[in-house]
Amino acid sequence: LVDTKSGEHLKRAVQNLSKVRVVDSNQVTARDVAAAAR
C-alpha cells in the first residue's frame, strides 16, 4: 500500500497482517515492489 503520507491508523491496522506492507511514496524500493503480488 503506497501513499504520500500514510496515516498512523492504517500502519497500525496492517501491523498484524504479515503479507501486507504500508510504505510512503518516498520510501518505496524495488524490493518492496518486486515482493508484492498487488
ModelCIF file with pLDDT and N, C-alpha, C, O atoms, coordinates in Angstrom:
data_MODEL
#
_entry.id   MODEL 
#
_entity.id                         1 
_entity.type                       polymer 
_entity.pdbx_number_of_molecules   1 
#
_entity_poly.entity_id                      1 
_entity_poly.type                           'polypeptide(L)' 
_entity_poly.nstd_linkage                   no 
_entity_poly.nstd_monomer                   no 
_entity_poly.pdbx_seq_one_letter_code       LVDTKSGEHLKRAVQNLSKVRVVDSNQVTARDVAAAAR 
_entity_poly.pdbx_seq_one_letter_code_can   LVDTKSGEHLKRAVQNLSKVRVVDSNQVTARDVAAAAR 
_entity_poly.pdbx_strand_id                 A 
#
loop_
_entity_poly_seq.entity_id 
_entity_poly_seq.num 
_entity_poly_seq.mon_id 
_entity_poly_seq.hetero 
1 1  LEU n 
1 2  VAL n 
1 3  ASP n 
1 4  THR n 
1 5  LYS n 
1 6  SER n 
1 7  GLY n 
1 8  GLU n 
1 9  HIS n 
1 10 LEU n 
1 11 LYS n 
1 12 ARG n 
1 13 ALA n 
1 14 VAL n 
1 15 GLN n 
1 16 ASN n 
1 17 LEU n 
1 18 SER n 
1 19 LYS n 
1 20 VAL n 
1 21 ARG n 
1 22 VAL n 
1 23 VAL n 
1 24 ASP n 
1 25 SER n 
1 26 ASN n 
1 27 GLN n 
1 28 VAL n 
1 29 THR n 
1 30 ALA n 
1 31 ARG n 
1 32 ASP n 
1 33 VAL n 
1 34 ALA n 
1 35 ALA n 
1 36 ALA n 
1 37 ALA n 
1 38 ARG n 
#
_struct_asym.id          A 
_struct_asym.entity_id   1 
#
loop_
_ma_qa_metric.id 
_ma_qa_metric.mode 
_ma_qa_metric.name 
_ma_qa_metric.software_group_id 
_ma_qa_metric.type 
1 global pLDDT . pLDDT 
2 local  pLDDT . pLDDT 
#
_ma_qa_metric_global.metric_id      1 
_ma_qa_metric_global.metric_value   91.68 
_ma_qa_metric_global.model_id       1 
_ma_qa_metric_global.ordinal_id     1 
#
loop_
_ma_qa_metric_local.label_asym_id 
_ma_qa_metric_local.label_comp_id 
_ma_qa_metric_local.label_seq_id 
_ma_qa_metric_local.metric_id 
_ma_qa_metric_local.metric_value 
_ma_qa_metric_local.model_id 
_ma_qa_metric_local.ordinal_id 
A LEU 1  2 94.00 1 1  
A VAL 2  2 94.00 1 2  
A ASP 3  2 90.00 1 3  
A THR 4  2 86.00 1 4  
A LYS 5  2 82.00 1 5  
A SER 6  2 74.00 1 6  
A GLY 7  2 80.00 1 7  
A GLU 8  2 87.00 1 8  
A HIS 9  2 89.00 1 9  
A LEU 10 2 91.00 1 10 
A LYS 11 2 91.00 1 11 
A ARG 12 2 92.00 1 12 
A ALA 13 2 92.00 1 13 
A VAL 14 2 92.00 1 14 
A GLN 15 2 92.00 1 15 
A ASN 16 2 92.00 1 16 
A LEU 17 2 93.00 1 17 
A SER 18 2 92.00 1 18 
A LYS 19 2 92.00 1 19 
A VAL 20 2 94.00 1 20 
A ARG 21 2 93.00 1 21 
A VAL 22 2 94.00 1 22 
A VAL 23 2 93.00 1 23 
A ASP 24 2 93.00 1 24 
A SER 25 2 91.00 1 25 
A ASN 26 2 91.00 1 26 
A GLN 27 2 92.00 1 27 
A VAL 28 2 95.00 1 28 
A THR 29 2 95.00 1 29 
A ALA 30 2 96.00 1 30 
A ARG 31 2 96.00 1 31 
A ASP 32 2 95.00 1 32 
A VAL 33 2 96.00 1 33 
A ALA 34 2 95.00 1 34 
A ALA 35 2 95.00 1 35 
A ALA 36 2 95.00 1 36 
A ALA 37 2 95.00 1 37 
A ARG 38 2 95.00 1 38 
#
loop_
_atom_site.group_PDB 
_atom_site.id 
_atom_site.type_symbol 
_atom_site.label_atom_id 
_atom_site.label_alt_id 
_atom_site.label_comp_id 
_atom_site.label_asym_id 
_atom_site.label_entity_id 
_atom_site.label_seq_id 
_atom_site.pdbx_PDB_ins_code 
_atom_site.Cartn_x 
_atom_site.Cartn_y 
_atom_site.Cartn_z 
_atom_site.occupancy 
_atom_site.B_iso_or_equiv 
_atom_site.pdbx_formal_charge 
_atom_site.auth_seq_id 
_atom_site.auth_comp_id 
_atom_site.auth_asym_id 
_atom_site.auth_atom_id 
_atom_site.pdbx_PDB_model_num 
ATOM 1   N N  . LEU A 1 1  ? 0.865  -1.179  0.000  1.00 94.00 ? 1  LEU A N  1 
ATOM 2   C CA . LEU A 1 1  ? 0.000  0.000   0.000  1.00 94.00 ? 1  LEU A CA 1 
ATOM 3   C C  . LEU A 1 1  ? 0.902  1.228   0.000  1.00 94.00 ? 1  LEU A C  1 
ATOM 4   O O  . LEU A 1 1  ? 1.693  1.419   0.923  1.00 94.00 ? 1  LEU A O  1 
ATOM 5   N N  . VAL A 1 2  ? 0.785  2.063   -1.035 1.00 94.00 ? 2  VAL A N  1 
ATOM 6   C CA . VAL A 1 2  ? 1.662  3.219   -1.183 1.00 94.00 ? 2  VAL A CA 1 
ATOM 7   C C  . VAL A 1 2  ? 0.844  4.497   -1.141 1.00 94.00 ? 2  VAL A C  1 
ATOM 8   O O  . VAL A 1 2  ? -0.122 4.654   -1.887 1.00 94.00 ? 2  VAL A O  1 
ATOM 9   N N  . ASP A 1 3  ? 1.244  5.419   -0.255 1.00 90.00 ? 3  ASP A N  1 
ATOM 10  C CA . ASP A 1 3  ? 0.593  6.713   -0.128 1.00 90.00 ? 3  ASP A CA 1 
ATOM 11  C C  . ASP A 1 3  ? 1.678  7.752   0.127  1.00 90.00 ? 3  ASP A C  1 
ATOM 12  O O  . ASP A 1 3  ? 2.793  7.398   0.510  1.00 90.00 ? 3  ASP A O  1 
ATOM 13  N N  . THR A 1 4  ? 1.367  9.033   -0.081 1.00 86.00 ? 4  THR A N  1 
ATOM 14  C CA . THR A 1 4  ? 2.374  10.062  0.172  1.00 86.00 ? 4  THR A CA 1 
ATOM 15  C C  . THR A 1 4  ? 2.651  10.192  1.656  1.00 86.00 ? 4  THR A C  1 
ATOM 16  O O  . THR A 1 4  ? 3.811  10.224  2.069  1.00 86.00 ? 4  THR A O  1 
ATOM 17  N N  . LYS A 1 5  ? 1.614  10.265  2.455  1.00 82.00 ? 5  LYS A N  1 
ATOM 18  C CA . LYS A 1 5  ? 1.758  10.292  3.910  1.00 82.00 ? 5  LYS A CA 1 
ATOM 19  C C  . LYS A 1 5  ? 0.785  9.266   4.476  1.00 82.00 ? 5  LYS A C  1 
ATOM 20  O O  . LYS A 1 5  ? -0.403 9.545   4.640  1.00 82.00 ? 5  LYS A O  1 
ATOM 21  N N  . SER A 1 6  ? 1.296  8.088   4.769  1.00 74.00 ? 6  SER A N  1 
ATOM 22  C CA . SER A 1 6  ? 0.434  7.034   5.301  1.00 74.00 ? 6  SER A CA 1 
ATOM 23  C C  . SER A 1 6  ? -0.010 7.400   6.707  1.00 74.00 ? 6  SER A C  1 
ATOM 24  O O  . SER A 1 6  ? 0.801  7.794   7.545  1.00 74.00 ? 6  SER A O  1 
ATOM 25  N N  . GLY A 1 7  ? -1.293 7.266   6.952  1.00 80.00 ? 7  GLY A N  1 
ATOM 26  C CA . GLY A 1 7  ? -1.819 7.573   8.272  1.00 80.00 ? 7  GLY A CA 1 
ATOM 27  C C  . GLY A 1 7  ? -1.377 6.550   9.309  1.00 80.00 ? 7  GLY A C  1 
ATOM 28  O O  . GLY A 1 7  ? -1.145 5.382   8.997  1.00 80.00 ? 7  GLY A O  1 
ATOM 29  N N  . GLU A 1 8  ? -1.268 7.013   10.541 1.00 87.00 ? 8  GLU A N  1 
ATOM 30  C CA . GLU A 1 8  ? -0.840 6.128   11.634 1.00 87.00 ? 8  GLU A CA 1 
ATOM 31  C C  . GLU A 1 8  ? -1.862 5.014   11.858 1.00 87.00 ? 8  GLU A C  1 
ATOM 32  O O  . GLU A 1 8  ? -1.499 3.891   12.206 1.00 87.00 ? 8  GLU A O  1 
ATOM 33  N N  . HIS A 1 9  ? -3.150 5.333   11.655 1.00 89.00 ? 9  HIS A N  1 
ATOM 34  C CA . HIS A 1 9  ? -4.189 4.314   11.827 1.00 89.00 ? 9  HIS A CA 1 
ATOM 35  C C  . HIS A 1 9  ? -3.986 3.158   10.857 1.00 89.00 ? 9  HIS A C  1 
ATOM 36  O O  . HIS A 1 9  ? -4.104 1.994   11.242 1.00 89.00 ? 9  HIS A O  1 
ATOM 37  N N  . LEU A 1 10 ? -3.684 3.472   9.610  1.00 91.00 ? 10 LEU A N  1 
ATOM 38  C CA . LEU A 1 10 ? -3.504 2.429   8.606  1.00 91.00 ? 10 LEU A CA 1 
ATOM 39  C C  . LEU A 1 10 ? -2.278 1.572   8.917  1.00 91.00 ? 10 LEU A C  1 
ATOM 40  O O  . LEU A 1 10 ? -2.323 0.348   8.800  1.00 91.00 ? 10 LEU A O  1 
ATOM 41  N N  . LYS A 1 11 ? -1.192 2.218   9.310  1.00 91.00 ? 11 LYS A N  1 
ATOM 42  C CA . LYS A 1 11 ? 0.026  1.463   9.649  1.00 91.00 ? 11 LYS A CA 1 
ATOM 43  C C  . LYS A 1 11 ? -0.232 0.510   10.805 1.00 91.00 ? 11 LYS A C  1 
ATOM 44  O O  . LYS A 1 11 ? 0.219  -0.635  10.785 1.00 91.00 ? 11 LYS A O  1 
ATOM 45  N N  . ARG A 1 12 ? -0.961 0.984   11.815 1.00 92.00 ? 12 ARG A N  1 
ATOM 46  C CA . ARG A 1 12 ? -1.258 0.137   12.975 1.00 92.00 ? 12 ARG A CA 1 
ATOM 47  C C  . ARG A 1 12 ? -2.236 -0.983  12.592 1.00 92.00 ? 12 ARG A C  1 
ATOM 48  O O  . ARG A 1 12 ? -2.128 -2.101  13.096 1.00 92.00 ? 12 ARG A O  1 
ATOM 49  N N  . ALA A 1 13 ? -3.181 -0.682  11.707 1.00 92.00 ? 13 ALA A N  1 
ATOM 50  C CA . ALA A 1 13 ? -4.177 -1.676  11.310 1.00 92.00 ? 13 ALA A CA 1 
ATOM 51  C C  . ALA A 1 13 ? -3.552 -2.817  10.522 1.00 92.00 ? 13 ALA A C  1 
ATOM 52  O O  . ALA A 1 13 ? -3.992 -3.962  10.627 1.00 92.00 ? 13 ALA A O  1 
ATOM 53  N N  . VAL A 1 14 ? -2.541 -2.513  9.744  1.00 92.00 ? 14 VAL A N  1 
ATOM 54  C CA . VAL A 1 14 ? -1.894 -3.505  8.881  1.00 92.00 ? 14 VAL A CA 1 
ATOM 55  C C  . VAL A 1 14 ? -0.791 -4.261  9.621  1.00 92.00 ? 14 VAL A C  1 
ATOM 56  O O  . VAL A 1 14 ? -0.286 -5.267  9.122  1.00 92.00 ? 14 VAL A O  1 
ATOM 57  N N  . GLN A 1 15 ? -0.425 -3.791  10.782 1.00 92.00 ? 15 GLN A N  1 
ATOM 58  C CA . GLN A 1 15 ? 0.698  -4.331  11.537 1.00 92.00 ? 15 GLN A CA 1 
ATOM 59  C C  . GLN A 1 15 ? 0.626  -5.847  11.748 1.00 92.00 ? 15 GLN A C  1 
ATOM 60  O O  . GLN A 1 15 ? 1.657  -6.518  11.704 1.00 92.00 ? 15 GLN A O  1 
ATOM 61  N N  . ASN A 1 16 ? -0.558 -6.393  11.972 1.00 92.00 ? 16 ASN A N  1 
ATOM 62  C CA . ASN A 1 16 ? -0.708 -7.829  12.228 1.00 92.00 ? 16 ASN A CA 1 
ATOM 63  C C  . ASN A 1 16 ? -0.861 -8.658  10.957 1.00 92.00 ? 16 ASN A C  1 
ATOM 64  O O  . ASN A 1 16 ? -0.926 -9.885  11.028 1.00 92.00 ? 16 ASN A O  1 
ATOM 65  N N  . LEU A 1 17 ? -0.920 -8.017  9.815  1.00 93.00 ? 17 LEU A N  1 
ATOM 66  C CA . LEU A 1 17 ? -1.019 -8.741  8.548  1.00 93.00 ? 17 LEU A CA 1 
ATOM 67  C C  . LEU A 1 17 ? 0.394  -8.916  7.994  1.00 93.00 ? 17 LEU A C  1 
ATOM 68  O O  . LEU A 1 17 ? 1.001  -7.963  7.504  1.00 93.00 ? 17 LEU A O  1 
ATOM 69  N N  . SER A 1 18 ? 0.905  -10.132 8.075  1.00 92.00 ? 18 SER A N  1 
ATOM 70  C CA . SER A 1 18 ? 2.315  -10.373 7.738  1.00 92.00 ? 18 SER A CA 1 
ATOM 71  C C  . SER A 1 18 ? 2.645  -10.150 6.263  1.00 92.00 ? 18 SER A C  1 
ATOM 72  O O  . SER A 1 18 ? 3.790  -9.849  5.927  1.00 92.00 ? 18 SER A O  1 
ATOM 73  N N  . LYS A 1 19 ? 1.666  -10.292 5.390  1.00 92.00 ? 19 LYS A N  1 
ATOM 74  C CA . LYS A 1 19 ? 1.942  -10.184 3.961  1.00 92.00 ? 19 LYS A CA 1 
ATOM 75  C C  . LYS A 1 19 ? 1.591  -8.822  3.371  1.00 92.00 ? 19 LYS A C  1 
ATOM 76  O O  . LYS A 1 19 ? 1.649  -8.641  2.155  1.00 92.00 ? 19 LYS A O  1 
ATOM 77  N N  . VAL A 1 20 ? 1.227  -7.860  4.225  1.00 94.00 ? 20 VAL A N  1 
ATOM 78  C CA . VAL A 1 20 ? 0.837  -6.530  3.739  1.00 94.00 ? 20 VAL A CA 1 
ATOM 79  C C  . VAL A 1 20 ? 1.781  -5.486  4.330  1.00 94.00 ? 20 VAL A C  1 
ATOM 80  O O  . VAL A 1 20 ? 2.067  -5.495  5.527  1.00 94.00 ? 20 VAL A O  1 
ATOM 81  N N  . ARG A 1 21 ? 2.260  -4.585  3.469  1.00 93.00 ? 21 ARG A N  1 
ATOM 82  C CA . ARG A 1 21 ? 3.138  -3.502  3.919  1.00 93.00 ? 21 ARG A CA 1 
ATOM 83  C C  . ARG A 1 21 ? 2.564  -2.162  3.513  1.00 93.00 ? 21 ARG A C  1 
ATOM 84  O O  . ARG A 1 21 ? 1.987  -2.025  2.434  1.00 93.00 ? 21 ARG A O  1 
ATOM 85  N N  . VAL A 1 22 ? 2.723  -1.170  4.381  1.00 94.00 ? 22 VAL A N  1 
ATOM 86  C CA . VAL A 1 22 ? 2.347  0.203   4.078  1.00 94.00 ? 22 VAL A CA 1 
ATOM 87  C C  . VAL A 1 22 ? 3.633  1.004   3.987  1.00 94.00 ? 22 VAL A C  1 
ATOM 88  O O  . VAL A 1 22 ? 4.441  1.005   4.915  1.00 94.00 ? 22 VAL A O  1 
ATOM 89  N N  . VAL A 1 23 ? 3.820  1.694   2.847  1.00 93.00 ? 23 VAL A N  1 
ATOM 90  C CA . VAL A 1 23 ? 5.058  2.433   2.617  1.00 93.00 ? 23 VAL A CA 1 
ATOM 91  C C  . VAL A 1 23 ? 4.724  3.817   2.073  1.00 93.00 ? 23 VAL A C  1 
ATOM 92  O O  . VAL A 1 23 ? 3.828  3.969   1.242  1.00 93.00 ? 23 VAL A O  1 
ATOM 93  N N  . ASP A 1 24 ? 5.446  4.815   2.544  1.00 93.00 ? 24 ASP A N  1 
ATOM 94  C CA . ASP A 1 24 ? 5.311  6.153   1.978  1.00 93.00 ? 24 ASP A CA 1 
ATOM 95  C C  . ASP A 1 24 ? 5.950  6.166   0.591  1.00 93.00 ? 24 ASP A C  1 
ATOM 96  O O  . ASP A 1 24 ? 6.878  5.402   0.325  1.00 93.00 ? 24 ASP A O  1 
ATOM 97  N N  . SER A 1 25 ? 5.461  7.022   -0.281 1.00 91.00 ? 25 SER A N  1 
ATOM 98  C CA . SER A 1 25 ? 5.936  7.027   -1.669 1.00 91.00 ? 25 SER A CA 1 
ATOM 99  C C  . SER A 1 25 ? 7.408  7.407   -1.793 1.00 91.00 ? 25 SER A C  1 
ATOM 100 O O  . SER A 1 25 ? 8.051  7.049   -2.780 1.00 91.00 ? 25 SER A O  1 
ATOM 101 N N  . ASN A 1 26 ? 7.948  8.117   -0.822 1.00 91.00 ? 26 ASN A N  1 
ATOM 102 C CA . ASN A 1 26 ? 9.371  8.460   -0.899 1.00 91.00 ? 26 ASN A CA 1 
ATOM 103 C C  . ASN A 1 26 ? 10.258 7.370   -0.291 1.00 91.00 ? 26 ASN A C  1 
ATOM 104 O O  . ASN A 1 26 ? 11.481 7.509   -0.276 1.00 91.00 ? 26 ASN A O  1 
ATOM 105 N N  . GLN A 1 27 ? 9.656  6.288   0.208  1.00 92.00 ? 27 GLN A N  1 
ATOM 106 C CA . GLN A 1 27 ? 10.401 5.181   0.802  1.00 92.00 ? 27 GLN A CA 1 
ATOM 107 C C  . GLN A 1 27 ? 10.287 3.880   0.004  1.00 92.00 ? 27 GLN A C  1 
ATOM 108 O O  . GLN A 1 27 ? 10.854 2.863   0.402  1.00 92.00 ? 27 GLN A O  1 
ATOM 109 N N  . VAL A 1 28 ? 9.568  3.902   -1.107 1.00 95.00 ? 28 VAL A N  1 
ATOM 110 C CA . VAL A 1 28 ? 9.349  2.685   -1.892 1.00 95.00 ? 28 VAL A CA 1 
ATOM 111 C C  . VAL A 1 28 ? 10.654 2.248   -2.536 1.00 95.00 ? 28 VAL A C  1 
ATOM 112 O O  . VAL A 1 28 ? 11.408 3.071   -3.053 1.00 95.00 ? 28 VAL A O  1 
ATOM 113 N N  . THR A 1 29 ? 10.917 0.935   -2.500 1.00 95.00 ? 29 THR A N  1 
ATOM 114 C CA . THR A 1 29 ? 12.117 0.394   -3.134 1.00 95.00 ? 29 THR A CA 1 
ATOM 115 C C  . THR A 1 29 ? 11.721 -0.685  -4.137 1.00 95.00 ? 29 THR A C  1 
ATOM 116 O O  . THR A 1 29 ? 10.588 -1.166  -4.143 1.00 95.00 ? 29 THR A O  1 
ATOM 117 N N  . ALA A 1 30 ? 12.670 -1.049  -4.974 1.00 96.00 ? 30 ALA A N  1 
ATOM 118 C CA . ALA A 1 30 ? 12.428 -2.103  -5.959 1.00 96.00 ? 30 ALA A CA 1 
ATOM 119 C C  . ALA A 1 30 ? 12.133 -3.430  -5.268 1.00 96.00 ? 30 ALA A C  1 
ATOM 120 O O  . ALA A 1 30 ? 11.373 -4.251  -5.782 1.00 96.00 ? 30 ALA A O  1 
ATOM 121 N N  . ARG A 1 31 ? 12.730 -3.630  -4.120 1.00 96.00 ? 31 ARG A N  1 
ATOM 122 C CA . ARG A 1 31 ? 12.492 -4.862  -3.352 1.00 96.00 ? 31 ARG A CA 1 
ATOM 123 C C  . ARG A 1 31 ? 11.036 -4.931  -2.892 1.00 96.00 ? 31 ARG A C  1 
ATOM 124 O O  . ARG A 1 31 ? 10.414 -5.990  -2.979 1.00 96.00 ? 31 ARG A O  1 
ATOM 125 N N  . ASP A 1 32 ? 10.485 -3.819  -2.404 1.00 95.00 ? 32 ASP A N  1 
ATOM 126 C CA . ASP A 1 32 ? 9.083  -3.783  -1.981 1.00 95.00 ? 32 ASP A CA 1 
ATOM 127 C C  . ASP A 1 32 ? 8.165  -4.110  -3.153 1.00 95.00 ? 32 ASP A C  1 
ATOM 128 O O  . ASP A 1 32 ? 7.241  -4.914  -3.025 1.00 95.00 ? 32 ASP A O  1 
ATOM 129 N N  . VAL A 1 33 ? 8.426  -3.488  -4.281 1.00 96.00 ? 33 VAL A N  1 
ATOM 130 C CA . VAL A 1 33 ? 7.576  -3.660  -5.466 1.00 96.00 ? 33 VAL A CA 1 
ATOM 131 C C  . VAL A 1 33 ? 7.679  -5.082  -5.995 1.00 96.00 ? 33 VAL A C  1 
ATOM 132 O O  . VAL A 1 33 ? 6.666  -5.692  -6.335 1.00 96.00 ? 33 VAL A O  1 
ATOM 133 N N  . ALA A 1 34 ? 8.897  -5.616  -6.068 1.00 95.00 ? 34 ALA A N  1 
ATOM 134 C CA . ALA A 1 34 ? 9.091  -6.961  -6.616 1.00 95.00 ? 34 ALA A CA 1 
ATOM 135 C C  . ALA A 1 34 ? 8.451  -8.028  -5.726 1.00 95.00 ? 34 ALA A C  1 
ATOM 136 O O  . ALA A 1 34 ? 7.966  -9.045  -6.224 1.00 95.00 ? 34 ALA A O  1 
ATOM 137 N N  . ALA A 1 35 ? 8.450  -7.797  -4.411 1.00 95.00 ? 35 ALA A N  1 
ATOM 138 C CA . ALA A 1 35 ? 7.917  -8.795  -3.478 1.00 95.00 ? 35 ALA A CA 1 
ATOM 139 C C  . ALA A 1 35 ? 6.393  -8.803  -3.435 1.00 95.00 ? 35 ALA A C  1 
ATOM 140 O O  . ALA A 1 35 ? 5.803  -9.801  -3.019 1.00 95.00 ? 35 ALA A O  1 
ATOM 141 N N  . ALA A 1 36 ? 5.744  -7.729  -3.849 1.00 95.00 ? 36 ALA A N  1 
ATOM 142 C CA . ALA A 1 36 ? 4.286  -7.620  -3.738 1.00 95.00 ? 36 ALA A CA 1 
ATOM 143 C C  . ALA A 1 36 ? 3.586  -8.251  -4.934 1.00 95.00 ? 36 ALA A C  1 
ATOM 144 O O  . ALA A 1 36 ? 4.014  -8.105  -6.079 1.00 95.00 ? 36 ALA A O  1 
ATOM 145 N N  . ALA A 1 37 ? 2.499  -8.956  -4.636 1.00 95.00 ? 37 ALA A N  1 
ATOM 146 C CA . ALA A 1 37 ? 1.669  -9.505  -5.709 1.00 95.00 ? 37 ALA A CA 1 
ATOM 147 C C  . ALA A 1 37 ? 0.714  -8.437  -6.234 1.00 95.00 ? 37 ALA A C  1 
ATOM 148 O O  . ALA A 1 37 ? 0.407  -8.405  -7.425 1.00 95.00 ? 37 ALA A O  1 
ATOM 149 N N  . ARG A 1 38 ? 0.245  -7.562  -5.344 1.00 95.00 ? 38 ARG A N  1 
ATOM 150 C CA . ARG A 1 38 ? -0.640 -6.458  -5.717 1.00 95.00 ? 38 ARG A CA 1 
ATOM 151 C C  . ARG A 1 38 ? -0.149 -5.179  -5.077 1.00 95.00 ? 38 ARG A C  1 
ATOM 152 O O  . ARG A 1 38 ? -0.754 -4.123  -5.263 1.00 95.00 ? 38 ARG A O  1 
#
